[in-house]
């Protein structure tokens, strides 16, 4: 496998694993007990603010531009 095919995979999986580390360090019942509701409350609270909506839209646009500009159909 070449480095070129590993890089997108590493960029996708690396942040997901790093984000999951605090969750895996918790006790086993913590995932079921309140993680989902706290996650939902955090993101809904953030998106109720104007700056949260703007940052979410900018982040979504950046991801879309990255996908569009890295398309295989250009080759």
N, C-alpha and C. Protein backbone atom coordinates (compact mmCIF):
# COMPACT_ATOMS: atom_id res chain seq x y z
N UNK A 1 0.85 -1.17 0.00
CA UNK A 1 0.00 0.00 0.00
C UNK A 1 0.90 1.24 0.00
N UNK A 2 0.59 2.18 -0.82
CA UNK A 2 1.42 3.37 -0.92
C UNK A 2 1.02 4.39 0.15
N UNK A 3 1.90 5.34 0.36
CA UNK A 3 1.64 6.40 1.33
C UNK A 3 0.45 7.25 0.90
N UNK A 4 0.28 7.37 -0.38
CA UNK A 4 -0.81 8.20 -0.89
C UNK A 4 -2.18 7.62 -0.55
N UNK A 5 -2.30 6.31 -0.48
CA UNK A 5 -3.59 5.72 -0.15
C UNK A 5 -3.79 5.62 1.37
N UNK A 6 -2.74 5.68 2.14
CA UNK A 6 -2.86 5.60 3.60
C UNK A 6 -3.20 6.96 4.20
N UNK A 7 -2.73 8.03 3.61
CA UNK A 7 -2.92 9.36 4.17
C UNK A 7 -4.39 9.74 4.37
N UNK A 8 -5.28 9.59 3.39
CA UNK A 8 -6.69 9.94 3.64
C UNK A 8 -7.32 9.10 4.76
N UNK A 9 -6.93 7.83 4.81
CA UNK A 9 -7.44 6.96 5.86
C UNK A 9 -6.97 7.43 7.23
N UNK A 10 -5.69 7.80 7.33
CA UNK A 10 -5.14 8.27 8.60
C UNK A 10 -5.79 9.59 9.01
N UNK A 11 -6.05 10.46 8.05
CA UNK A 11 -6.68 11.73 8.36
C UNK A 11 -8.13 11.55 8.81
N UNK A 12 -8.77 10.51 8.36
CA UNK A 12 -10.15 10.26 8.75
C UNK A 12 -10.24 9.53 10.09
N UNK A 13 -9.38 8.56 10.30
CA UNK A 13 -9.47 7.73 11.50
C UNK A 13 -8.76 8.36 12.69
N UNK A 14 -7.68 9.09 12.46
CA UNK A 14 -6.91 9.67 13.55
C UNK A 14 -7.72 10.58 14.46
N UNK A 15 -8.40 11.59 13.92
CA UNK A 15 -9.21 12.45 14.80
C UNK A 15 -10.36 11.70 15.48
N UNK A 16 -10.92 10.71 14.80
CA UNK A 16 -12.00 9.95 15.41
C UNK A 16 -11.50 9.17 16.63
N UNK A 17 -10.33 8.58 16.52
CA UNK A 17 -9.77 7.86 17.65
C UNK A 17 -9.37 8.82 18.77
N UNK A 18 -8.81 9.95 18.42
CA UNK A 18 -8.41 10.92 19.44
C UNK A 18 -9.64 11.47 20.17
N UNK A 19 -10.73 11.66 19.46
CA UNK A 19 -11.95 12.15 20.10
C UNK A 19 -12.58 11.09 20.99
N UNK A 20 -12.35 9.84 20.71
CA UNK A 20 -12.96 8.75 21.48
C UNK A 20 -12.17 8.39 22.72
N UNK A 21 -10.95 8.87 22.87
CA UNK A 21 -10.14 8.49 24.01
C UNK A 21 -10.78 8.82 25.36
N UNK A 22 -11.30 10.02 25.58
CA UNK A 22 -11.93 10.27 26.88
C UNK A 22 -13.14 9.38 27.14
N UNK A 23 -13.82 8.98 26.10
CA UNK A 23 -15.00 8.13 26.25
C UNK A 23 -14.58 6.74 26.68
N UNK A 24 -13.53 6.21 26.08
CA UNK A 24 -13.10 4.86 26.41
C UNK A 24 -12.47 4.79 27.79
N UNK A 25 -12.00 5.91 28.33
CA UNK A 25 -11.40 5.92 29.66
C UNK A 25 -12.46 5.89 30.75
N UNK A 26 -13.70 6.19 30.42
CA UNK A 26 -14.77 6.22 31.41
C UNK A 26 -15.20 4.80 31.74
N UNK A 27 -16.00 4.69 32.76
CA UNK A 27 -16.52 3.38 33.14
C UNK A 27 -17.44 2.85 32.05
N UNK A 28 -17.62 1.55 31.95
CA UNK A 28 -18.40 0.97 30.84
C UNK A 28 -19.83 1.48 30.73
N UNK A 29 -20.50 1.76 31.81
CA UNK A 29 -21.89 2.22 31.76
C UNK A 29 -22.03 3.68 31.41
N UNK A 30 -20.93 4.42 31.37
CA UNK A 30 -21.00 5.85 31.11
C UNK A 30 -21.48 6.16 29.69
N UNK A 31 -21.17 5.29 28.76
CA UNK A 31 -21.62 5.52 27.38
C UNK A 31 -23.14 5.50 27.29
N UNK A 32 -23.73 4.56 27.97
CA UNK A 32 -25.17 4.42 27.91
C UNK A 32 -25.85 5.44 28.82
N UNK A 33 -25.23 5.74 29.94
CA UNK A 33 -25.89 6.55 30.96
C UNK A 33 -26.13 7.99 30.53
N UNK A 34 -25.10 8.70 30.02
CA UNK A 34 -25.35 10.10 29.77
C UNK A 34 -24.54 10.71 28.66
N UNK A 35 -23.70 9.94 28.03
CA UNK A 35 -22.84 10.52 27.01
C UNK A 35 -23.66 11.05 25.84
N UNK A 36 -24.63 10.30 25.39
CA UNK A 36 -25.43 10.71 24.24
C UNK A 36 -26.24 11.97 24.52
N UNK A 37 -26.83 12.05 25.70
CA UNK A 37 -27.63 13.23 26.02
C UNK A 37 -26.74 14.46 26.20
N UNK A 38 -25.58 14.29 26.84
CA UNK A 38 -24.67 15.42 27.00
C UNK A 38 -24.13 15.89 25.65
N UNK A 39 -23.83 14.95 24.76
CA UNK A 39 -23.37 15.28 23.41
C UNK A 39 -24.44 16.10 22.68
N UNK A 40 -25.67 15.64 22.76
CA UNK A 40 -26.79 16.32 22.10
C UNK A 40 -27.00 17.72 22.69
N UNK A 41 -26.98 17.83 24.00
CA UNK A 41 -27.18 19.12 24.65
C UNK A 41 -26.07 20.10 24.31
N UNK A 42 -24.84 19.62 24.25
CA UNK A 42 -23.72 20.51 23.91
C UNK A 42 -23.88 21.08 22.51
N UNK A 43 -24.12 20.21 21.53
CA UNK A 43 -24.19 20.67 20.14
C UNK A 43 -25.44 21.48 19.87
N UNK A 44 -26.56 21.15 20.49
CA UNK A 44 -27.75 21.99 20.28
C UNK A 44 -27.57 23.35 20.94
N UNK A 45 -26.92 23.39 22.11
CA UNK A 45 -26.63 24.67 22.75
C UNK A 45 -25.68 25.52 21.92
N UNK A 46 -24.69 24.88 21.32
CA UNK A 46 -23.74 25.60 20.48
C UNK A 46 -24.42 26.14 19.22
N UNK A 47 -25.27 25.34 18.62
CA UNK A 47 -25.92 25.76 17.38
C UNK A 47 -27.06 26.75 17.61
N UNK A 48 -27.46 26.97 18.85
CA UNK A 48 -28.46 27.99 19.14
C UNK A 48 -27.84 29.38 19.15
N UNK A 49 -26.51 29.44 19.26
CA UNK A 49 -25.81 30.72 19.24
C UNK A 49 -25.44 31.06 17.80
N UNK A 50 -25.39 32.34 17.51
CA UNK A 50 -25.08 32.77 16.15
C UNK A 50 -23.66 32.38 15.74
N UNK A 51 -22.70 32.55 16.62
CA UNK A 51 -21.32 32.21 16.25
C UNK A 51 -21.16 30.70 16.06
N UNK A 52 -21.95 29.89 16.76
CA UNK A 52 -21.90 28.44 16.56
C UNK A 52 -22.41 28.05 15.19
N UNK A 53 -23.47 28.69 14.76
CA UNK A 53 -24.03 28.40 13.43
C UNK A 53 -23.05 28.82 12.35
N UNK A 54 -22.43 29.99 12.53
CA UNK A 54 -21.46 30.47 11.53
C UNK A 54 -20.27 29.53 11.45
N UNK A 55 -19.74 29.09 12.59
CA UNK A 55 -18.59 28.19 12.59
C UNK A 55 -18.96 26.83 11.98
N UNK A 56 -20.16 26.35 12.27
CA UNK A 56 -20.59 25.08 11.69
C UNK A 56 -20.71 25.20 10.16
N UNK A 57 -21.24 26.31 9.68
CA UNK A 57 -21.38 26.51 8.24
C UNK A 57 -20.01 26.64 7.57
N UNK A 58 -19.09 27.36 8.21
CA UNK A 58 -17.74 27.48 7.65
C UNK A 58 -17.02 26.14 7.64
N UNK A 59 -17.17 25.37 8.69
CA UNK A 59 -16.56 24.04 8.74
C UNK A 59 -17.13 23.11 7.68
N UNK A 60 -18.45 23.14 7.53
CA UNK A 60 -19.09 22.32 6.51
C UNK A 60 -18.63 22.73 5.11
N UNK A 61 -18.53 24.04 4.88
CA UNK A 61 -18.06 24.53 3.58
C UNK A 61 -16.63 24.13 3.30
N UNK A 62 -15.78 24.17 4.33
CA UNK A 62 -14.38 23.77 4.15
C UNK A 62 -14.28 22.29 3.79
N UNK A 63 -15.06 21.46 4.45
CA UNK A 63 -15.06 20.02 4.13
C UNK A 63 -15.56 19.79 2.71
N UNK A 64 -16.61 20.50 2.32
CA UNK A 64 -17.14 20.36 0.96
C UNK A 64 -16.12 20.78 -0.08
N UNK A 65 -15.45 21.90 0.15
CA UNK A 65 -14.42 22.35 -0.80
C UNK A 65 -13.27 21.35 -0.89
N UNK A 66 -12.89 20.79 0.24
CA UNK A 66 -11.82 19.79 0.24
C UNK A 66 -12.23 18.58 -0.59
N UNK A 67 -13.45 18.11 -0.42
CA UNK A 67 -13.92 16.94 -1.18
C UNK A 67 -14.00 17.28 -2.66
N UNK A 68 -14.54 18.43 -3.00
CA UNK A 68 -14.70 18.81 -4.39
C UNK A 68 -13.35 18.96 -5.09
N UNK A 69 -12.40 19.60 -4.43
CA UNK A 69 -11.10 19.87 -5.08
C UNK A 69 -10.21 18.65 -5.14
N UNK A 70 -10.50 17.61 -4.37
CA UNK A 70 -9.67 16.41 -4.38
C UNK A 70 -10.31 15.28 -5.17
N UNK A 71 -11.28 15.62 -6.00
CA UNK A 71 -12.00 14.59 -6.75
C UNK A 71 -11.12 13.86 -7.76
N UNK A 72 -11.43 12.59 -7.97
CA UNK A 72 -10.66 11.76 -8.90
C UNK A 72 -11.02 12.02 -10.35
N UNK A 73 -12.17 12.66 -10.61
CA UNK A 73 -12.61 12.85 -11.98
C UNK A 73 -11.75 13.86 -12.75
N UNK A 74 -10.91 14.60 -12.08
CA UNK A 74 -10.08 15.59 -12.74
C UNK A 74 -8.85 14.97 -13.41
N UNK A 75 -8.56 13.74 -13.10
CA UNK A 75 -7.35 13.11 -13.65
C UNK A 75 -7.61 12.39 -14.93
